[in-house]
PDB file of N, CA and C in Angstrom:
ATOM      1  N   MET A   1       5.015 -11.760 -12.184  1.00  0.00           N
ATOM      2  CA  MET A   1       4.533 -12.031 -10.842  1.00  0.00           C
ATOM      3  C   MET A   1       3.886 -10.749 -10.302  1.00  0.00           C
ATOM      4  N   PRO A   2       2.703 -10.873  -9.703  1.00  0.00           N
ATOM      5  CA  PRO A   2       2.018  -9.676  -9.189  1.00  0.00           C
ATOM      6  C   PRO A   2       2.842  -8.987  -8.106  1.00  0.00           C
ATOM      7  N   ASP A   3       2.632  -7.703  -8.012  1.00  0.00           N
ATOM      8  CA  ASP A   3       3.297  -6.927  -6.966  1.00  0.00           C
ATOM      9  C   ASP A   3       2.330  -6.792  -5.808  1.00  0.00           C
ATOM     10  N   PHE A   4       2.546  -7.585  -4.764  1.00  0.00           N
ATOM     11  CA  PHE A   4       1.695  -7.532  -3.579  1.00  0.00           C
ATOM     12  C   PHE A   4       2.268  -6.493  -2.621  1.00  0.00           C
ATOM     13  N   ASP A   5       1.712  -5.270  -2.670  1.00  0.00           N
ATOM     14  CA  ASP A   5       2.201  -4.226  -1.782  1.00  0.00           C
ATOM     15  C   ASP A   5       1.604  -4.416  -0.386  1.00  0.00           C
ATOM     16  N   ASP A   6       2.028  -3.565   0.545  1.00  0.00           N
ATOM     17  CA  ASP A   6       1.601  -3.721   1.944  1.00  0.00           C
ATOM     18  C   ASP A   6       0.088  -3.634   2.111  1.00  0.00           C
ATOM     19  N   ALA A   7      -0.577  -2.794   1.330  1.00  0.00           N
ATOM     20  CA  ALA A   7      -2.043  -2.669   1.444  1.00  0.00           C
ATOM     21  C   ALA A   7      -2.719  -3.986   1.074  1.00  0.00           C
ATOM     22  N   VAL A   8      -2.248  -4.628   0.024  1.00  0.00           N
ATOM     23  CA  VAL A   8      -2.811  -5.909  -0.406  1.00  0.00           C
ATOM     24  C   VAL A   8      -2.520  -6.991   0.648  1.00  0.00           C
ATOM     25  N   LEU A   9      -1.291  -7.030   1.115  1.00  0.00           N
ATOM     26  CA  LEU A   9      -0.912  -8.047   2.102  1.00  0.00           C
ATOM     27  C   LEU A   9      -1.682  -7.870   3.400  1.00  0.00           C
ATOM     28  N   LYS A  10      -1.847  -6.645   3.852  1.00  0.00           N
ATOM     29  CA  LYS A  10      -2.584  -6.387   5.083  1.00  0.00           C
ATOM     30  C   LYS A  10      -4.048  -6.750   4.911  1.00  0.00           C
ATOM     31  N   CYS A  11      -4.613  -6.433   3.772  1.00  0.00           N
ATOM     32  CA  CYS A  11      -5.995  -6.802   3.476  1.00  0.00           C
ATOM     33  C   CYS A  11      -6.170  -8.308   3.591  1.00  0.00           C
ATOM     34  N   PHE A  12      -5.256  -9.064   3.001  1.00  0.00           N
ATOM     35  CA  PHE A  12      -5.336 -10.512   3.065  1.00  0.00           C
ATOM     36  C   PHE A  12      -5.200 -11.010   4.500  1.00  0.00           C
ATOM     37  N   LEU A  13      -4.221 -10.498   5.223  1.00  0.00           N
ATOM     38  CA  LEU A  13      -4.032 -10.934   6.609  1.00  0.00           C
ATOM     39  C   LEU A  13      -5.283 -10.663   7.444  1.00  0.00           C
ATOM     40  N   ASP A  14      -5.866  -9.484   7.278  1.00  0.00           N
ATOM     41  CA  ASP A  14      -7.027  -9.095   8.075  1.00  0.00           C
ATOM     42  C   ASP A  14      -8.287  -9.877   7.723  1.00  0.00           C
ATOM     43  N   ASN A  15      -8.371 -10.381   6.497  1.00  0.00           N
ATOM     44  CA  ASN A  15      -9.612 -10.982   6.019  1.00  0.00           C
ATOM     45  C   ASN A  15      -9.488 -12.437   5.566  1.00  0.00           C
ATOM     46  N   GLN A  16      -8.347 -13.076   5.817  1.00  0.00           N
ATOM     47  CA  GLN A  16      -8.113 -14.424   5.299  1.00  0.00           C
ATOM     48  C   GLN A  16      -9.142 -15.447   5.778  1.00  0.00           C
ATOM     49  N   LEU A  17      -9.779 -15.207   6.914  1.00  0.00           N
ATOM     50  CA  LEU A  17     -10.746 -16.177   7.433  1.00  0.00           C
ATOM     51  C   LEU A  17     -12.040 -16.203   6.626  1.00  0.00           C
ATOM     52  N   GLN A  18     -12.219 -15.243   5.719  1.00  0.00           N
ATOM     53  CA  GLN A  18     -13.401 -15.309   4.850  1.00  0.00           C
ATOM     54  C   GLN A  18     -13.271 -16.436   3.847  1.00  0.00           C
ATOM     55  N   LEU A  19     -12.051 -16.894   3.608  1.00  0.00           N
ATOM     56  CA  LEU A  19     -11.806 -17.949   2.617  1.00  0.00           C
ATOM     57  C   LEU A  19     -11.318 -19.242   3.260  1.00  0.00           C
ATOM     58  N   PHE A  20     -10.558 -19.134   4.320  1.00  0.00           N
ATOM     59  CA  PHE A  20      -9.940 -20.296   4.954  1.00  0.00           C
ATOM     60  C   PHE A  20     -10.460 -20.463   6.378  1.00  0.00           C
ATOM     61  N   PRO A  21     -10.593 -21.715   6.860  1.00  0.00           N
ATOM     62  CA  PRO A  21     -11.137 -21.949   8.196  1.00  0.00           C
ATOM     63  C   PRO A  21     -10.205 -21.532   9.326  1.00  0.00           C
ATOM     64  N   GLU A  22      -8.930 -21.405   9.018  1.00  0.00           N
ATOM     65  CA  GLU A  22      -7.967 -20.940  10.017  1.00  0.00           C
ATOM     66  C   GLU A  22      -6.897 -20.126   9.290  1.00  0.00           C
ATOM     67  N   PRO A  23      -6.186 -19.272  10.020  1.00  0.00           N
ATOM     68  CA  PRO A  23      -5.175 -18.423   9.366  1.00  0.00           C
ATOM     69  C   PRO A  23      -4.119 -19.237   8.621  1.00  0.00           C
ATOM     70  N   VAL A  24      -3.759 -18.736   7.435  1.00  0.00           N
ATOM     71  CA  VAL A  24      -2.707 -19.371   6.650  1.00  0.00           C
ATOM     72  C   VAL A  24      -1.424 -18.550   6.667  1.00  0.00           C
ATOM     73  N   ALA A  25      -1.503 -17.339   7.224  1.00  0.00           N
ATOM     74  CA  ALA A  25      -0.328 -16.458   7.305  1.00  0.00           C
ATOM     75  C   ALA A  25      -0.499 -15.550   8.519  1.00  0.00           C
ATOM     76  N   ASP A  26       0.642 -15.243   9.158  1.00  0.00           N
ATOM     77  CA  ASP A  26       0.623 -14.366  10.337  1.00  0.00           C
ATOM     78  C   ASP A  26       1.396 -13.065  10.130  1.00  0.00           C
ATOM     79  N   THR A  27       2.246 -13.031   9.113  1.00  0.00           N
ATOM     80  CA  THR A  27       3.064 -11.847   8.860  1.00  0.00           C
ATOM     81  C   THR A  27       2.907 -11.420   7.403  1.00  0.00           C
ATOM     82  N   LEU A  28       3.356 -10.214   7.094  1.00  0.00           N
ATOM     83  CA  LEU A  28       3.305  -9.761   5.703  1.00  0.00           C
ATOM     84  C   LEU A  28       4.127 -10.663   4.794  1.00  0.00           C
ATOM     85  N   ASP A  29       5.289 -11.100   5.259  1.00  0.00           N
ATOM     86  CA  ASP A  29       6.136 -11.986   4.435  1.00  0.00           C
ATOM     87  C   ASP A  29       5.449 -13.327   4.175  1.00  0.00           C
ATOM     88  N   GLU A  30       4.818 -13.885   5.230  1.00  0.00           N
ATOM     89  CA  GLU A  30       4.099 -15.155   5.044  1.00  0.00           C
ATOM     90  C   GLU A  30       2.922 -14.964   4.078  1.00  0.00           C
ATOM     91  N   ALA A  31       2.226 -13.843   4.195  1.00  0.00           N
ATOM     92  CA  ALA A  31       1.099 -13.553   3.300  1.00  0.00           C
ATOM     93  C   ALA A  31       1.595 -13.473   1.859  1.00  0.00           C
ATOM     94  N   LYS A  32       2.704 -12.765   1.646  1.00  0.00           N
ATOM     95  CA  LYS A  32       3.254 -12.633   0.292  1.00  0.00           C
ATOM     96  C   LYS A  32       3.626 -14.001  -0.273  1.00  0.00           C
ATOM     97  N   ASP A  33       4.308 -14.809   0.517  1.00  0.00           N
ATOM     98  CA  ASP A  33       4.702 -16.146   0.054  1.00  0.00           C
ATOM     99  C   ASP A  33       3.466 -16.967  -0.295  1.00  0.00           C
ATOM    100  N   PHE A  34       2.448 -16.917   0.556  1.00  0.00           N
ATOM    101  CA  PHE A  34       1.224 -17.678   0.313  1.00  0.00           C
ATOM    102  C   PHE A  34       0.544 -17.230  -0.970  1.00  0.00           C
ATOM    103  N   LEU A  35       0.399 -15.922  -1.135  1.00  0.00           N
ATOM    104  CA  LEU A  35      -0.287 -15.393  -2.319  1.00  0.00           C
ATOM    105  C   LEU A  35       0.474 -15.714  -3.602  1.00  0.00           C
ATOM    106  N   GLU A  36       1.792 -15.664  -3.539  1.00  0.00           N
ATOM    107  CA  GLU A  36       2.593 -16.022  -4.720  1.00  0.00           C
ATOM    108  C   GLU A  36       2.429 -17.501  -5.039  1.00  0.00           C
ATOM    109  N   GLU A  37       2.434 -18.350  -4.014  1.00  0.00           N
ATOM    110  CA  GLU A  37       2.301 -19.791  -4.223  1.00  0.00           C
ATOM    111  C   GLU A  37       0.938 -20.137  -4.831  1.00  0.00           C
ATOM    112  N   TYR A  38      -0.100 -19.434  -4.383  1.00  0.00           N
ATOM    113  CA  TYR A  38      -1.448 -19.718  -4.878  1.00  0.00           C
ATOM    114  C   TYR A  38      -1.807 -18.897  -6.121  1.00  0.00           C
ATOM    115  N   MET A  39      -0.829 -18.195  -6.656  1.00  0.00           N
ATOM    116  CA  MET A  39      -1.001 -17.417  -7.881  1.00  0.00           C
ATOM    117  C   MET A  39      -2.197 -16.459  -7.794  1.00  0.00           C
ATOM    118  N   ALA A  40      -2.307 -15.807  -6.652  1.00  0.00           N
ATOM    119  CA  ALA A  40      -3.351 -14.798  -6.478  1.00  0.00           C
ATOM    120  C   ALA A  40      -3.094 -13.645  -7.437  1.00  0.00           C
ATOM    121  N   VAL A  41      -4.144 -12.886  -7.720  1.00  0.00           N
ATOM    122  CA  VAL A  41      -4.001 -11.751  -8.614  1.00  0.00           C
ATOM    123  C   VAL A  41      -4.625 -10.510  -7.972  1.00  0.00           C
ATOM    124  N   VAL A  42      -4.090  -9.370  -8.346  1.00  0.00           N
ATOM    125  CA  VAL A  42      -4.656  -8.089  -7.941  1.00  0.00           C
ATOM    126  C   VAL A  42      -5.188  -7.423  -9.192  1.00  0.00           C
ATOM    127  N   VAL A  43      -6.446  -6.991  -9.138  1.00  0.00           N
ATOM    128  CA  VAL A  43      -7.051  -6.309 -10.278  1.00  0.00           C
ATOM    129  C   VAL A  43      -7.490  -4.928  -9.839  1.00  0.00           C
ATOM    130  N   ALA A  44      -7.669  -4.043 -10.830  1.00  0.00           N
ATOM    131  CA  ALA A  44      -7.858  -2.623 -10.535  1.00  0.00           C
ATOM    132  C   ALA A  44      -9.309  -2.166 -10.487  1.00  0.00           C
ATOM    133  N   SER A  45     -10.264  -3.082 -10.776  1.00  0.00           N
ATOM    134  CA  SER A  45     -11.653  -2.631 -10.800  1.00  0.00           C
ATOM    135  C   SER A  45     -12.608  -3.818 -10.725  1.00  0.00           C
ATOM    136  N   VAL A  46     -13.873  -3.499 -10.482  1.00  0.00           N
ATOM    137  CA  VAL A  46     -14.921  -4.525 -10.491  1.00  0.00           C
ATOM    138  C   VAL A  46     -14.973  -5.204 -11.853  1.00  0.00           C
ATOM    139  N   ASP A  47     -14.844  -4.418 -12.923  1.00  0.00           N
ATOM    140  CA  ASP A  47     -14.871  -4.984 -14.267  1.00  0.00           C
ATOM    141  C   ASP A  47     -13.770  -6.025 -14.453  1.00  0.00           C
ATOM    142  N   GLU A  48     -12.601  -5.766 -13.881  1.00  0.00           N
ATOM    143  CA  GLU A  48     -11.502  -6.719 -14.009  1.00  0.00           C
ATOM    144  C   GLU A  48     -11.756  -7.973 -13.178  1.00  0.00           C
ATOM    145  N   VAL A  49     -12.479  -7.839 -12.054  1.00  0.00           N
ATOM    146  CA  VAL A  49     -12.865  -9.024 -11.274  1.00  0.00           C
ATOM    147  C   VAL A  49     -13.767  -9.898 -12.135  1.00  0.00           C
ATOM    148  N   ILE A  50     -14.766  -9.279 -12.769  1.00  0.00           N
ATOM    149  CA  ILE A  50     -15.701 -10.000 -13.624  1.00  0.00           C
ATOM    150  C   ILE A  50     -14.958 -10.672 -14.780  1.00  0.00           C
ATOM    151  N   GLU A  51     -14.056  -9.921 -15.400  1.00  0.00           N
ATOM    152  CA  GLU A  51     -13.268 -10.457 -16.518  1.00  0.00           C
ATOM    153  C   GLU A  51     -12.441 -11.652 -16.065  1.00  0.00           C
ATOM    154  N   TYR A  52     -11.851 -11.571 -14.873  1.00  0.00           N
ATOM    155  CA  TYR A  52     -11.049 -12.670 -14.344  1.00  0.00           C
ATOM    156  C   TYR A  52     -11.897 -13.933 -14.228  1.00  0.00           C
ATOM    157  N   PHE A  53     -13.080 -13.812 -13.614  1.00  0.00           N
ATOM    158  CA  PHE A  53     -13.946 -14.985 -13.445  1.00  0.00           C
ATOM    159  C   PHE A  53     -14.396 -15.541 -14.785  1.00  0.00           C
ATOM    160  N   GLU A  54     -14.685 -14.671 -15.732  1.00  0.00           N
ATOM    161  CA  GLU A  54     -15.062 -15.135 -17.076  1.00  0.00           C
ATOM    162  C   GLU A  54     -13.907 -15.885 -17.732  1.00  0.00           C
ATOM    163  N   ASP A  55     -12.692 -15.329 -17.610  1.00  0.00           N
ATOM    164  CA  ASP A  55     -11.511 -15.983 -18.194  1.00  0.00           C
ATOM    165  C   ASP A  55     -11.247 -17.345 -17.565  1.00  0.00           C
ATOM    166  N   GLU A  56     -11.593 -17.485 -16.279  1.00  0.00           N
ATOM    167  CA  GLU A  56     -11.394 -18.748 -15.575  1.00  0.00           C
ATOM    168  C   GLU A  56     -12.514 -19.746 -15.856  1.00  0.00           C
ATOM    169  N   GLY A  57     -13.530 -19.296 -16.603  1.00  0.00           N
ATOM    170  CA  GLY A  57     -14.626 -20.189 -16.956  1.00  0.00           C
ATOM    171  C   GLY A  57     -15.623 -20.395 -15.845  1.00  0.00           C
ATOM    172  N   ILE A  58     -15.664 -19.487 -14.890  1.00  0.00           N
ATOM    173  CA  ILE A  58     -16.601 -19.593 -13.776  1.00  0.00           C
ATOM    174  C   ILE A  58     -17.935 -19.009 -14.216  1.00  0.00           C
ATOM    175  N   ASP A  59     -18.987 -19.797 -14.066  1.00  0.00           N
ATOM    176  CA  ASP A  59     -20.324 -19.393 -14.516  1.00  0.00           C
ATOM    177  C   ASP A  59     -20.869 -18.312 -13.588  1.00  0.00           C
ATOM    178  N   MET A  60     -21.111 -17.144 -14.164  1.00  0.00           N
ATOM    179  CA  MET A  60     -21.647 -16.031 -13.392  1.00  0.00           C
ATOM    180  C   MET A  60     -22.995 -15.587 -13.952  1.00  0.00           C
ATOM    181  N   GLU A  61     -23.657 -16.475 -14.638  1.00  0.00           N
ATOM    182  CA  GLU A  61     -24.954 -16.173 -15.250  1.00  0.00           C
ATOM    183  C   GLU A  61     -25.882 -15.584 -14.199  1.00  0.00           C
ATOM    184  N   GLY A  62     -26.362 -14.373 -14.455  1.00  0.00           N
ATOM    185  CA  GLY A  62     -27.315 -13.739 -13.558  1.00  0.00           C
ATOM    186  C   GLY A  62     -26.683 -13.062 -12.354  1.00  0.00           C
ATOM    187  N   ALA A  63     -25.388 -13.221 -12.162  1.00  0.00           N
ATOM    188  CA  ALA A  63     -24.730 -12.585 -11.016  1.00  0.00           C
ATOM    189  C   ALA A  63     -24.557 -11.088 -11.281  1.00  0.00           C
ATOM    190  N   VAL A  64     -24.763 -10.310 -10.265  1.00  0.00           N
ATOM    191  CA  VAL A  64     -24.541  -8.877 -10.370  1.00  0.00           C
ATOM    192  C   VAL A  64     -23.232  -8.547  -9.671  1.00  0.00           C
ATOM    193  N   ASP A  65     -22.751  -7.335  -9.877  1.00  0.00           N
ATOM    194  CA  ASP A  65     -21.462  -6.939  -9.313  1.00  0.00           C
ATOM    195  C   ASP A  65     -21.358  -7.251  -7.827  1.00  0.00           C
ATOM    196  N   ASP A  66     -22.426  -6.936  -7.063  1.00  0.00           N
ATOM    197  CA  ASP A  66     -22.379  -7.162  -5.617  1.00  0.00           C
ATOM    198  C   ASP A  66     -22.185  -8.635  -5.288  1.00  0.00           C
ATOM    199  N   ASP A  67     -22.848  -9.519  -6.058  1.00  0.00           N
ATOM    200  CA  ASP A  67     -22.698 -10.960  -5.818  1.00  0.00           C
ATOM    201  C   ASP A  67     -21.254 -11.389  -6.041  1.00  0.00           C
ATOM    202  N   ILE A  68     -20.664 -10.899  -7.092  1.00  0.00           N
ATOM    203  CA  ILE A  68     -19.294 -11.269  -7.427  1.00  0.00           C
ATOM    204  C   ILE A  68     -18.323 -10.767  -6.371  1.00  0.00           C
ATOM    205  N   LEU A  69     -18.535  -9.542  -5.908  1.00  0.00           N
ATOM    206  CA  LEU A  69     -17.634  -8.967  -4.905  1.00  0.00           C
ATOM    207  C   LEU A  69     -17.792  -9.620  -3.544  1.00  0.00           C
ATOM    208  N   GLU A  70     -18.903 -10.309  -3.320  1.00  0.00           N
ATOM    209  CA  GLU A  70     -19.116 -10.999  -2.050  1.00  0.00           C
ATOM    210  C   GLU A  70     -18.581 -12.433  -2.081  1.00  0.00           C
ATOM    211  N   ALA A  71     -18.045 -12.862  -3.207  1.00  0.00           N
ATOM    212  CA  ALA A  71     -17.457 -14.195  -3.281  1.00  0.00           C
ATOM    213  C   ALA A  71     -16.296 -14.287  -2.289  1.00  0.00           C
ATOM    214  N   ASP A  72     -16.174 -15.451  -1.645  1.00  0.00           N
ATOM    215  CA  ASP A  72     -15.113 -15.630  -0.643  1.00  0.00           C
ATOM    216  C   ASP A  72     -13.731 -15.374  -1.189  1.00  0.00           C
ATOM    217  N   GLU A  73     -13.549 -15.604  -2.496  1.00  0.00           N
ATOM    218  CA  GLU A  73     -12.234 -15.480  -3.121  1.00  0.00           C
ATOM    219  C   GLU A  73     -11.829 -14.035  -3.396  1.00  0.00           C
ATOM    220  N   VAL A  74     -12.768 -13.097  -3.249  1.00  0.00           N
ATOM    221  CA  VAL A  74     -12.535 -11.699  -3.605  1.00  0.00           C
ATOM    222  C   VAL A  74     -12.353 -10.866  -2.336  1.00  0.00           C
ATOM    223  N   PHE A  75     -11.228 -10.182  -2.264  1.00  0.00           N
ATOM    224  CA  PHE A  75     -10.911  -9.333  -1.121  1.00  0.00           C
ATOM    225  C   PHE A  75     -10.837  -7.884  -1.610  1.00  0.00           C
ATOM    226  N   ASP A  76     -11.612  -7.010  -0.984  1.00  0.00           N
ATOM    227  CA  ASP A  76     -11.609  -5.592  -1.326  1.00  0.00           C
ATOM    228  C   ASP A  76     -10.449  -4.922  -0.601  1.00  0.00           C
ATOM    229  N   VAL A  77      -9.444  -4.505  -1.372  1.00  0.00           N
ATOM    230  CA  VAL A  77      -8.258  -3.887  -0.777  1.00  0.00           C
ATOM    231  C   VAL A  77      -8.609  -2.540  -0.138  1.00  0.00           C
ATOM    232  N   GLY A  78      -9.639  -1.894  -0.653  1.00  0.00           N
ATOM    233  CA  GLY A  78     -10.094  -0.647  -0.055  1.00  0.00           C
ATOM    234  C   GLY A  78      -9.685   0.599  -0.830  1.00  0.00           C
ATOM    235  N   ASP A  79      -8.907   0.415  -1.864  1.00  0.00           N
ATOM    236  CA  ASP A  79      -8.451   1.562  -2.660  1.00  0.00           C
ATOM    237  C   ASP A  79      -8.910   1.431  -4.116  1.00  0.00           C
ATOM    238  N   GLY A  80      -9.946   0.627  -4.330  1.00  0.00           N
ATOM    239  CA  GLY A  80     -10.442   0.400  -5.678  1.00  0.00           C
ATOM    240  C   GLY A  80      -9.921  -0.881  -6.299  1.00  0.00           C
ATOM    241  N   ARG A  81      -8.894  -1.469  -5.681  1.00  0.00           N
ATOM    242  CA  ARG A  81      -8.339  -2.716  -6.183  1.00  0.00           C
ATOM    243  C   ARG A  81      -8.961  -3.915  -5.450  1.00  0.00           C
ATOM    244  N   TYR A  82      -8.847  -5.062  -6.084  1.00  0.00           N
ATOM    245  CA  TYR A  82      -9.362  -6.297  -5.489  1.00  0.00           C
ATOM    246  C   TYR A  82      -8.307  -7.381  -5.609  1.00  0.00           C
ATOM    247  N   LEU A  83      -8.173  -8.146  -4.543  1.00  0.00           N
ATOM    248  CA  LEU A  83      -7.297  -9.315  -4.517  1.00  0.00           C
ATOM    249  C   LEU A  83      -8.176 -10.531  -4.748  1.00  0.00           C
ATOM    250  N   ILE A  84      -7.772 -11.400  -5.669  1.00  0.00           N
ATOM    251  CA  ILE A  84      -8.511 -12.627  -5.925  1.00  0.00           C
ATOM    252  C   ILE A  84      -7.608 -13.799  -5.585  1.00  0.00           C
ATOM    253  N   VAL A  85      -8.085 -14.634  -4.646  1.00  0.00           N
ATOM    254  CA  VAL A  85      -7.323 -15.796  -4.170  1.00  0.00           C
ATOM    255  C   VAL A  85      -8.201 -17.023  -4.372  1.00  0.00           C
ATOM    256  N   GLU A  86      -7.730 -17.968  -5.145  1.00  0.00           N
ATOM    257  CA  GLU A  86      -8.495 -19.200  -5.321  1.00  0.00           C
ATOM    258  C   GLU A  86      -8.049 -20.200  -4.256  1.00  0.00           C
ATOM    259  N   GLY A  87      -8.960 -20.494  -3.337  1.00  0.00           N
ATOM    260  CA  GLY A  87      -8.649 -21.424  -2.240  1.00  0.00           C
ATOM    261  C   GLY A  87      -8.755 -22.810  -2.716  1.00  0.00           C
TER     262      GLY A  87
END
């Protein structure tokens, strides 16, 4: 199970509306429970984001790094890591 530290949880809380029409969590504990339930993942680099989408069979033909990082499912934690949540 991924380790959702406070930086990841806060990132999700602050930016959850990029993926969902209304908040799905109000506290760090609720965010952690939600992310665990939805099997979100934390990756350490842009390359790992790309690898994740390729492994999931998502067609990224012609997409560049910036396009991938702007996907609603991708949250920039701000420390080089990315949270990926499939809504």
